[in-house]
Amino acid sequence: MKFAIFIIFLALFFWLGNLGVVLPGRDWPVILIFFGFLNLILLPRYSRKKIIEDLEKGRITPEEALKRLERLH
């Protein structure tokens, strides 16, 4: 998922660069800011403690807990 978003954003960035809207040589930090924001806000990572807590309280199924634990690595 993150890789797909990265490719789409990168393509959009260079397309806007070709149109003259952004200058890749000057505006490349926008990519870093975007992915920092994405990691902090839109794609939160789950800690083991949070996953176990959600499983114990019945918020997620054991299968979902296993998927989340696998994604941590």
PDB file of N, CA and C in Angstrom:
ATOM      1  N   MET A   1       0.819  -1.189   0.000  1.00  0.00           N
ATOM      2  CA  MET A   1       0.000   0.000   0.000  1.00  0.00           C
ATOM      3  C   MET A   1       0.871   1.264   0.000  1.00  0.00           C
ATOM      4  N   LYS A   2       1.852   1.291   0.913  1.00  0.00           N
ATOM      5  CA  LYS A   2       2.708   2.468   0.967  1.00  0.00           C
ATOM      6  C   LYS A   2       3.492   2.639  -0.325  1.00  0.00           C
ATOM      7  N   PHE A   3       3.942   1.516  -0.890  1.00  0.00           N
ATOM      8  CA  PHE A   3       4.716   1.597  -2.121  1.00  0.00           C
ATOM      9  C   PHE A   3       3.867   2.152  -3.262  1.00  0.00           C
ATOM     10  N   ALA A   4       2.616   1.734  -3.342  1.00  0.00           N
ATOM     11  CA  ALA A   4       1.722   2.234  -4.389  1.00  0.00           C
ATOM     12  C   ALA A   4       1.489   3.738  -4.230  1.00  0.00           C
ATOM     13  N   ILE A   5       1.289   4.175  -3.003  1.00  0.00           N
ATOM     14  CA  ILE A   5       1.094   5.605  -2.757  1.00  0.00           C
ATOM     15  C   ILE A   5       2.354   6.371  -3.119  1.00  0.00           C
ATOM     16  N   PHE A   6       3.501   5.800  -2.792  1.00  0.00           N
ATOM     17  CA  PHE A   6       4.777   6.430  -3.122  1.00  0.00           C
ATOM     18  C   PHE A   6       4.935   6.602  -4.635  1.00  0.00           C
ATOM     19  N   ILE A   7       4.640   5.561  -5.399  1.00  0.00           N
ATOM     20  CA  ILE A   7       4.765   5.617  -6.865  1.00  0.00           C
ATOM     21  C   ILE A   7       3.794   6.649  -7.444  1.00  0.00           C
ATOM     22  N   ILE A   8       2.572   6.661  -6.952  1.00  0.00           N
ATOM     23  CA  ILE A   8       1.585   7.623  -7.453  1.00  0.00           C
ATOM     24  C   ILE A   8       2.038   9.049  -7.158  1.00  0.00           C
ATOM     25  N   PHE A   9       2.486   9.293  -5.942  1.00  0.00           N
ATOM     26  CA  PHE A   9       2.919  10.639  -5.582  1.00  0.00           C
ATOM     27  C   PHE A   9       4.157  11.048  -6.369  1.00  0.00           C
ATOM     28  N   LEU A  10       5.085  10.121  -6.541  1.00  0.00           N
ATOM     29  CA  LEU A  10       6.294  10.425  -7.292  1.00  0.00           C
ATOM     30  C   LEU A  10       5.956  10.770  -8.748  1.00  0.00           C
ATOM     31  N   ALA A  11       5.063   9.992  -9.345  1.00  0.00           N
ATOM     32  CA  ALA A  11       4.636  10.276 -10.719  1.00  0.00           C
ATOM     33  C   ALA A  11       3.943  11.632 -10.801  1.00  0.00           C
ATOM     34  N   LEU A  12       3.089  11.919  -9.848  1.00  0.00           N
ATOM     35  CA  LEU A  12       2.401  13.208  -9.811  1.00  0.00           C
ATOM     36  C   LEU A  12       3.392  14.349  -9.654  1.00  0.00           C
ATOM     37  N   PHE A  13       4.392  14.161  -8.807  1.00  0.00           N
ATOM     38  CA  PHE A  13       5.409  15.174  -8.578  1.00  0.00           C
ATOM     39  C   PHE A  13       6.175  15.484  -9.867  1.00  0.00           C
ATOM     40  N   PHE A  14       6.595  14.444 -10.585  1.00  0.00           N
ATOM     41  CA  PHE A  14       7.332  14.677 -11.824  1.00  0.00           C
ATOM     42  C   PHE A  14       6.436  15.205 -12.941  1.00  0.00           C
ATOM     43  N   TRP A  15       5.181  14.802 -12.944  1.00  0.00           N
ATOM     44  CA  TRP A  15       4.236  15.341 -13.933  1.00  0.00           C
ATOM     45  C   TRP A  15       4.051  16.843 -13.709  1.00  0.00           C
ATOM     46  N   LEU A  16       3.878  17.236 -12.448  1.00  0.00           N
ATOM     47  CA  LEU A  16       3.761  18.662 -12.146  1.00  0.00           C
ATOM     48  C   LEU A  16       5.067  19.393 -12.453  1.00  0.00           C
ATOM     49  N   GLY A  17       6.192  18.689 -12.307  1.00  0.00           N
ATOM     50  CA  GLY A  17       7.474  19.273 -12.677  1.00  0.00           C
ATOM     51  C   GLY A  17       7.555  19.534 -14.171  1.00  0.00           C
ATOM     52  N   ASN A  18       7.038  18.614 -14.975  1.00  0.00           N
ATOM     53  CA  ASN A  18       7.029  18.804 -16.428  1.00  0.00           C
ATOM     54  C   ASN A  18       6.103  19.944 -16.848  1.00  0.00           C
ATOM     55  N   LEU A  19       5.064  20.163 -16.072  1.00  0.00           N
ATOM     56  CA  LEU A  19       4.144  21.271 -16.368  1.00  0.00           C
ATOM     57  C   LEU A  19       4.678  22.609 -15.864  1.00  0.00           C
ATOM     58  N   GLY A  20       5.744  22.565 -15.079  1.00  0.00           N
ATOM     59  CA  GLY A  20       6.320  23.792 -14.550  1.00  0.00           C
ATOM     60  C   GLY A  20       5.682  24.277 -13.263  1.00  0.00           C
ATOM     61  N   VAL A  21       4.822  23.462 -12.676  1.00  0.00           N
ATOM     62  CA  VAL A  21       4.154  23.854 -11.440  1.00  0.00           C
ATOM     63  C   VAL A  21       5.108  23.743 -10.258  1.00  0.00           C
ATOM     64  N   VAL A  22       5.862  22.660 -10.205  1.00  0.00           N
ATOM     65  CA  VAL A  22       6.883  22.478  -9.167  1.00  0.00           C
ATOM     66  C   VAL A  22       8.218  22.254  -9.860  1.00  0.00           C
ATOM     67  N   LEU A  23       9.265  22.558  -9.171  1.00  0.00           N
ATOM     68  CA  LEU A  23      10.608  22.328  -9.694  1.00  0.00           C
ATOM     69  C   LEU A  23      11.256  21.225  -8.871  1.00  0.00           C
ATOM     70  N   PRO A  24      11.450  20.021  -9.452  1.00  0.00           N
ATOM     71  CA  PRO A  24      12.002  18.900  -8.690  1.00  0.00           C
ATOM     72  C   PRO A  24      13.330  19.232  -8.005  1.00  0.00           C
ATOM     73  N   GLY A  25      14.156  20.054  -8.610  1.00  0.00           N
ATOM     74  CA  GLY A  25      15.416  20.424  -7.994  1.00  0.00           C
ATOM     75  C   GLY A  25      15.247  21.291  -6.763  1.00  0.00           C
ATOM     76  N   ARG A  26      14.137  22.008  -6.701  1.00  0.00           N
ATOM     77  CA  ARG A  26      13.884  22.907  -5.582  1.00  0.00           C
ATOM     78  C   ARG A  26      12.874  22.333  -4.603  1.00  0.00           C
ATOM     79  N   ASP A  27      11.899  21.619  -5.103  1.00  0.00           N
ATOM     80  CA  ASP A  27      10.769  21.189  -4.283  1.00  0.00           C
ATOM     81  C   ASP A  27      10.830  19.738  -3.821  1.00  0.00           C
ATOM     82  N   TRP A  28      11.984  19.082  -3.937  1.00  0.00           N
ATOM     83  CA  TRP A  28      12.056  17.674  -3.545  1.00  0.00           C
ATOM     84  C   TRP A  28      11.752  17.428  -2.073  1.00  0.00           C
ATOM     85  N   PRO A  29      11.962  18.379  -1.163  1.00  0.00           N
ATOM     86  CA  PRO A  29      11.599  18.096   0.238  1.00  0.00           C
ATOM     87  C   PRO A  29      10.107  17.847   0.437  1.00  0.00           C
ATOM     88  N   VAL A  30       9.294  18.264  -0.521  1.00  0.00           N
ATOM     89  CA  VAL A  30       7.854  18.016  -0.424  1.00  0.00           C
ATOM     90  C   VAL A  30       7.592  16.512  -0.337  1.00  0.00           C
ATOM     91  N   ILE A  31       8.356  15.728  -1.053  1.00  0.00           N
ATOM     92  CA  ILE A  31       8.196  14.269  -1.005  1.00  0.00           C
ATOM     93  C   ILE A  31       8.457  13.768   0.414  1.00  0.00           C
ATOM     94  N   LEU A  32       9.523  14.241   1.029  1.00  0.00           N
ATOM     95  CA  LEU A  32       9.848  13.805   2.385  1.00  0.00           C
ATOM     96  C   LEU A  32       8.780  14.233   3.394  1.00  0.00           C
ATOM     97  N   ILE A  33       8.295  15.439   3.251  1.00  0.00           N
ATOM     98  CA  ILE A  33       7.254  15.934   4.145  1.00  0.00           C
ATOM     99  C   ILE A  33       5.975  15.122   3.979  1.00  0.00           C
ATOM    100  N   PHE A  34       5.619  14.831   2.739  1.00  0.00           N
ATOM    101  CA  PHE A  34       4.413  14.058   2.466  1.00  0.00           C
ATOM    102  C   PHE A  34       4.481  12.683   3.113  1.00  0.00           C
ATOM    103  N   PHE A  35       5.587  11.984   2.937  1.00  0.00           N
ATOM    104  CA  PHE A  35       5.687  10.639   3.494  1.00  0.00           C
ATOM    105  C   PHE A  35       5.860  10.645   5.007  1.00  0.00           C
ATOM    106  N   GLY A  36       6.451  11.672   5.559  1.00  0.00           N
ATOM    107  CA  GLY A  36       6.490  11.804   7.004  1.00  0.00           C
ATOM    108  C   GLY A  36       5.089  11.983   7.566  1.00  0.00           C
ATOM    109  N   PHE A  37       4.309  12.829   6.913  1.00  0.00           N
ATOM    110  CA  PHE A  37       2.922  13.039   7.316  1.00  0.00           C
ATOM    111  C   PHE A  37       2.115  11.753   7.169  1.00  0.00           C
ATOM    112  N   LEU A  38       2.316  11.062   6.070  1.00  0.00           N
ATOM    113  CA  LEU A  38       1.605   9.812   5.813  1.00  0.00           C
ATOM    114  C   LEU A  38       1.902   8.792   6.901  1.00  0.00           C
ATOM    115  N   ASN A  39       3.161   8.661   7.281  1.00  0.00           N
ATOM    116  CA  ASN A  39       3.530   7.696   8.317  1.00  0.00           C
ATOM    117  C   ASN A  39       2.996   8.076   9.685  1.00  0.00           C
ATOM    118  N   LEU A  40       2.960   9.352  10.001  1.00  0.00           N
ATOM    119  CA  LEU A  40       2.511   9.769  11.322  1.00  0.00           C
ATOM    120  C   LEU A  40       0.997   9.784  11.478  1.00  0.00           C
ATOM    121  N   ILE A  41       0.302  10.222  10.457  1.00  0.00           N
ATOM    122  CA  ILE A  41      -1.130  10.464  10.588  1.00  0.00           C
ATOM    123  C   ILE A  41      -1.992   9.402   9.922  1.00  0.00           C
ATOM    124  N   LEU A  42      -1.764   9.162   8.670  1.00  0.00           N
ATOM    125  CA  LEU A  42      -2.677   8.318   7.911  1.00  0.00           C
ATOM    126  C   LEU A  42      -2.414   6.826   8.040  1.00  0.00           C
ATOM    127  N   LEU A  43      -1.177   6.443   8.248  1.00  0.00           N
ATOM    128  CA  LEU A  43      -0.842   5.022   8.345  1.00  0.00           C
ATOM    129  C   LEU A  43      -0.170   4.728   9.686  1.00  0.00           C
ATOM    130  N   PRO A  44      -0.931   4.823  10.772  1.00  0.00           N
ATOM    131  CA  PRO A  44      -0.300   4.606  12.075  1.00  0.00           C
ATOM    132  C   PRO A  44       0.160   3.162  12.222  1.00  0.00           C
ATOM    133  N   ARG A  45       1.282   2.993  12.856  1.00  0.00           N
ATOM    134  CA  ARG A  45       1.782   1.656  13.113  1.00  0.00           C
ATOM    135  C   ARG A  45       1.283   1.224  14.485  1.00  0.00           C
ATOM    136  N   TYR A  46       1.031  -0.038  14.563  1.00  0.00           N
ATOM    137  CA  TYR A  46       0.549  -0.587  15.812  1.00  0.00           C
ATOM    138  C   TYR A  46       1.719  -1.171  16.593  1.00  0.00           C
ATOM    139  N   SER A  47       1.741  -0.910  17.874  1.00  0.00           N
ATOM    140  CA  SER A  47       2.739  -1.542  18.722  1.00  0.00           C
ATOM    141  C   SER A  47       2.188  -2.900  19.148  1.00  0.00           C
ATOM    142  N   ARG A  48       3.087  -3.761  19.561  1.00  0.00           N
ATOM    143  CA  ARG A  48       2.645  -5.079  20.036  1.00  0.00           C
ATOM    144  C   ARG A  48       1.664  -4.932  21.193  1.00  0.00           C
ATOM    145  N   LYS A  49       1.962  -4.000  22.081  1.00  0.00           N
ATOM    146  CA  LYS A  49       1.105  -3.793  23.243  1.00  0.00           C
ATOM    147  C   LYS A  49      -0.303  -3.405  22.819  1.00  0.00           C
ATOM    148  N   LYS A  50      -0.415  -2.498  21.850  1.00  0.00           N
ATOM    149  CA  LYS A  50      -1.727  -2.047  21.368  1.00  0.00           C
ATOM    150  C   LYS A  50      -2.486  -3.192  20.694  1.00  0.00           C
ATOM    151  N   ILE A  51      -1.781  -4.006  19.936  1.00  0.00           N
ATOM    152  CA  ILE A  51      -2.427  -5.133  19.249  1.00  0.00           C
ATOM    153  C   ILE A  51      -2.968  -6.132  20.268  1.00  0.00           C
ATOM    154  N   ILE A  52      -2.134  -6.465  21.271  1.00  0.00           N
ATOM    155  CA  ILE A  52      -2.566  -7.417  22.300  1.00  0.00           C
ATOM    156  C   ILE A  52      -3.756  -6.853  23.082  1.00  0.00           C
ATOM    157  N   GLU A  53      -3.700  -5.570  23.390  1.00  0.00           N
ATOM    158  CA  GLU A  53      -4.793  -4.921  24.115  1.00  0.00           C
ATOM    159  C   GLU A  53      -6.091  -4.972  23.309  1.00  0.00           C
ATOM    160  N   ASP A  54      -6.011  -4.661  22.024  1.00  0.00           N
ATOM    161  CA  ASP A  54      -7.203  -4.714  21.166  1.00  0.00           C
ATOM    162  C   ASP A  54      -7.752  -6.134  21.065  1.00  0.00           C
ATOM    163  N   LEU A  55      -6.865  -7.113  21.015  1.00  0.00           N
ATOM    164  CA  LEU A  55      -7.292  -8.514  20.939  1.00  0.00           C
ATOM    165  C   LEU A  55      -7.985  -8.932  22.231  1.00  0.00           C
ATOM    166  N   GLU A  56      -7.412  -8.569  23.360  1.00  0.00           N
ATOM    167  CA  GLU A  56      -8.005  -8.935  24.648  1.00  0.00           C
ATOM    168  C   GLU A  56      -9.372  -8.294  24.860  1.00  0.00           C
ATOM    169  N   LYS A  57      -9.547  -7.078  24.367  1.00  0.00           N
ATOM    170  CA  LYS A  57     -10.826  -6.385  24.541  1.00  0.00           C
ATOM    171  C   LYS A  57     -11.846  -6.752  23.468  1.00  0.00           C
ATOM    172  N   GLY A  58     -11.450  -7.601  22.524  1.00  0.00           N
ATOM    173  CA  GLY A  58     -12.376  -8.057  21.497  1.00  0.00           C
ATOM    174  C   GLY A  58     -12.588  -7.079  20.362  1.00  0.00           C
ATOM    175  N   ARG A  59     -11.722  -6.095  20.230  1.00  0.00           N
ATOM    176  CA  ARG A  59     -11.851  -5.106  19.150  1.00  0.00           C
ATOM    177  C   ARG A  59     -11.414  -5.668  17.799  1.00  0.00           C
ATOM    178  N   ILE A  60     -10.505  -6.646  17.841  1.00  0.00           N
ATOM    179  CA  ILE A  60     -10.034  -7.267  16.608  1.00  0.00           C
ATOM    180  C   ILE A  60     -10.057  -8.778  16.779  1.00  0.00           C
ATOM    181  N   THR A  61     -10.087  -9.477  15.674  1.00  0.00           N
ATOM    182  CA  THR A  61     -10.075 -10.936  15.690  1.00  0.00           C
ATOM    183  C   THR A  61      -8.637 -11.439  15.817  1.00  0.00           C
ATOM    184  N   PRO A  62      -8.466 -12.691  16.207  1.00  0.00           N
ATOM    185  CA  PRO A  62      -7.104 -13.240  16.253  1.00  0.00           C
ATOM    186  C   PRO A  62      -6.394 -13.192  14.899  1.00  0.00           C
ATOM    187  N   GLU A  63      -7.147 -13.377  13.828  1.00  0.00           N
ATOM    188  CA  GLU A  63      -6.556 -13.313  12.492  1.00  0.00           C
ATOM    189  C   GLU A  63      -6.037 -11.912  12.183  1.00  0.00           C
ATOM    190  N   GLU A  64      -6.834 -10.901  12.561  1.00  0.00           N
ATOM    191  CA  GLU A  64      -6.415  -9.515  12.338  1.00  0.00           C
ATOM    192  C   GLU A  64      -5.191  -9.189  13.193  1.00  0.00           C
ATOM    193  N   ALA A  65      -5.176  -9.689  14.430  1.00  0.00           N
ATOM    194  CA  ALA A  65      -4.017  -9.467  15.301  1.00  0.00           C
ATOM    195  C   ALA A  65      -2.772 -10.085  14.687  1.00  0.00           C
ATOM    196  N   LEU A  66      -2.886 -11.270  14.144  1.00  0.00           N
ATOM    197  CA  LEU A  66      -1.753 -11.933  13.501  1.00  0.00           C
ATOM    198  C   LEU A  66      -1.261 -11.136  12.304  1.00  0.00           C
ATOM    199  N   LYS A  67      -2.162 -10.618  11.483  1.00  0.00           N
ATOM    200  CA  LYS A  67      -1.778  -9.805  10.335  1.00  0.00           C
ATOM    201  C   LYS A  67      -1.022  -8.551  10.777  1.00  0.00           C
ATOM    202  N   ARG A  68      -1.534  -7.892  11.819  1.00  0.00           N
ATOM    203  CA  ARG A  68      -0.888  -6.676  12.302  1.00  0.00           C
ATOM    204  C   ARG A  68       0.489  -6.965  12.886  1.00  0.00           C
ATOM    205  N   LEU A  69       0.608  -8.076  13.596  1.00  0.00           N
ATOM    206  CA  LEU A  69       1.905  -8.446  14.154  1.00  0.00           C
ATOM    207  C   LEU A  69       2.916  -8.751  13.047  1.00  0.00           C
ATOM    208  N   GLU A  70       2.453  -9.402  11.975  1.00  0.00           N
ATOM    209  CA  GLU A  70       3.335  -9.709  10.857  1.00  0.00           C
ATOM    210  C   GLU A  70       3.785  -8.423  10.155  1.00  0.00           C
ATOM    211  N   ARG A  71       2.914  -7.428  10.101  1.00  0.00           N
ATOM    212  CA  ARG A  71       3.258  -6.162   9.451  1.00  0.00           C
ATOM    213  C   ARG A  71       4.284  -5.351  10.243  1.00  0.00           C
ATOM    214  N   LEU A  72       4.413  -5.637  11.527  1.00  0.00           N
ATOM    215  CA  LEU A  72       5.392  -4.919  12.338  1.00  0.00           C
ATOM    216  C   LEU A  72       6.822  -5.248  11.920  1.00  0.00           C
ATOM    217  N   HIS A  73       7.014  -6.383  11.329  1.00  0.00           N
ATOM    218  CA  HIS A  73       8.369  -6.820  10.975  1.00  0.00           C
ATOM    219  C   HIS A  73       8.664  -6.538   9.560  1.00  0.00           C
TER     220      HIS A  73
END
